């Protein structure tokens, strides 16, 4: 169990969960975590996971979210 205020930030899965829960809240059931995409230069696997988690929670593409 992660202590309140402490988010593991070293991998894609942790990022996905953090991103999904930032939209749907902590008590929401976590869906299946999609495969990790290639990580572009300047990003980390954690940040890619955050993006994918937010996309899954909102049902929108990253371009739609960042417009």
Protein backbone atom coordinates (compact mmCIF):
# COMPACT_ATOMS: atom_id res chain seq x y z
CA UNK A 1 0.00 0.00 0.00
CA UNK A 2 1.31 3.43 -0.92
CA UNK A 3 1.16 6.05 1.82
CA UNK A 4 -1.07 9.05 1.21
CA UNK A 5 0.76 11.63 -0.86
CA UNK A 6 3.37 9.17 -2.11
CA UNK A 7 3.00 8.12 -5.74
CA UNK A 8 5.55 5.68 -7.11
CA UNK A 9 6.90 7.33 -10.24
CA UNK A 10 9.33 4.91 -11.76
CA UNK A 11 7.32 2.89 -14.26
CA UNK A 12 4.54 2.89 -16.84
CA UNK A 13 2.06 0.93 -14.73
CA UNK A 14 2.35 3.36 -11.81
CA UNK A 15 1.89 6.27 -14.21
CA UNK A 16 -1.21 4.71 -15.77
CA UNK A 17 -2.80 4.20 -12.37
CA UNK A 18 -1.94 7.75 -11.26
CA UNK A 19 -3.35 9.22 -14.48
CA UNK A 20 -6.53 7.16 -14.37
CA UNK A 21 -7.16 7.92 -10.71
CA UNK A 22 -6.52 11.63 -11.21
CA UNK A 23 -9.67 11.70 -13.36
CA UNK A 24 -11.83 8.90 -11.90
CA UNK A 25 -10.65 9.22 -8.28
CA UNK A 26 -8.86 6.74 -6.09
CA UNK A 27 -11.78 4.42 -5.38
CA UNK A 28 -12.49 3.71 -9.07
CA UNK A 29 -11.67 0.21 -10.31
CA UNK A 30 -8.53 0.23 -12.44
CA UNK A 31 -9.14 -1.16 -15.95
CA UNK A 32 -6.74 -3.47 -17.75
CA UNK A 33 -3.50 -1.62 -18.32
CA UNK A 34 -2.64 -1.38 -22.02
CA UNK A 35 0.76 -2.32 -23.37
CA UNK A 36 3.45 0.28 -22.88
CA UNK A 37 3.96 2.36 -26.03
CA UNK A 38 7.33 3.57 -27.22
CA UNK A 39 8.54 6.47 -25.08
CA UNK A 40 9.41 9.58 -27.11
CA UNK A 41 12.51 11.59 -26.28
CA UNK A 42 11.90 13.98 -23.41
CA UNK A 43 9.32 11.77 -21.68
CA UNK A 44 9.61 8.89 -19.22
CA UNK A 45 7.68 5.62 -19.04
CA UNK A 46 5.87 7.03 -15.98
CA UNK A 47 4.70 10.11 -17.90
CA UNK A 48 3.57 7.95 -20.81
CA UNK A 49 1.56 5.92 -18.32
CA UNK A 50 -0.02 9.08 -16.89
CA UNK A 51 -1.05 10.14 -20.40
CA UNK A 52 -2.54 6.74 -21.22
CA UNK A 53 -4.37 6.60 -17.88
CA UNK A 54 -5.93 10.02 -18.49
CA UNK A 55 -6.89 8.99 -22.02
CA UNK A 56 -8.54 5.80 -20.74
CA UNK A 57 -10.43 7.67 -18.01
CA UNK A 58 -11.72 10.39 -20.35
CA UNK A 59 -12.21 8.31 -23.49
CA UNK A 60 -10.39 10.98 -25.51
CA UNK A 61 -7.19 11.07 -27.53
CA UNK A 62 -4.23 13.00 -26.14
CA UNK A 63 -4.71 15.63 -28.87
CA UNK A 64 -8.33 16.17 -27.76
CA UNK A 65 -7.24 16.49 -24.14
CA UNK A 66 -4.52 19.03 -24.86
CA UNK A 67 -6.45 21.23 -27.27
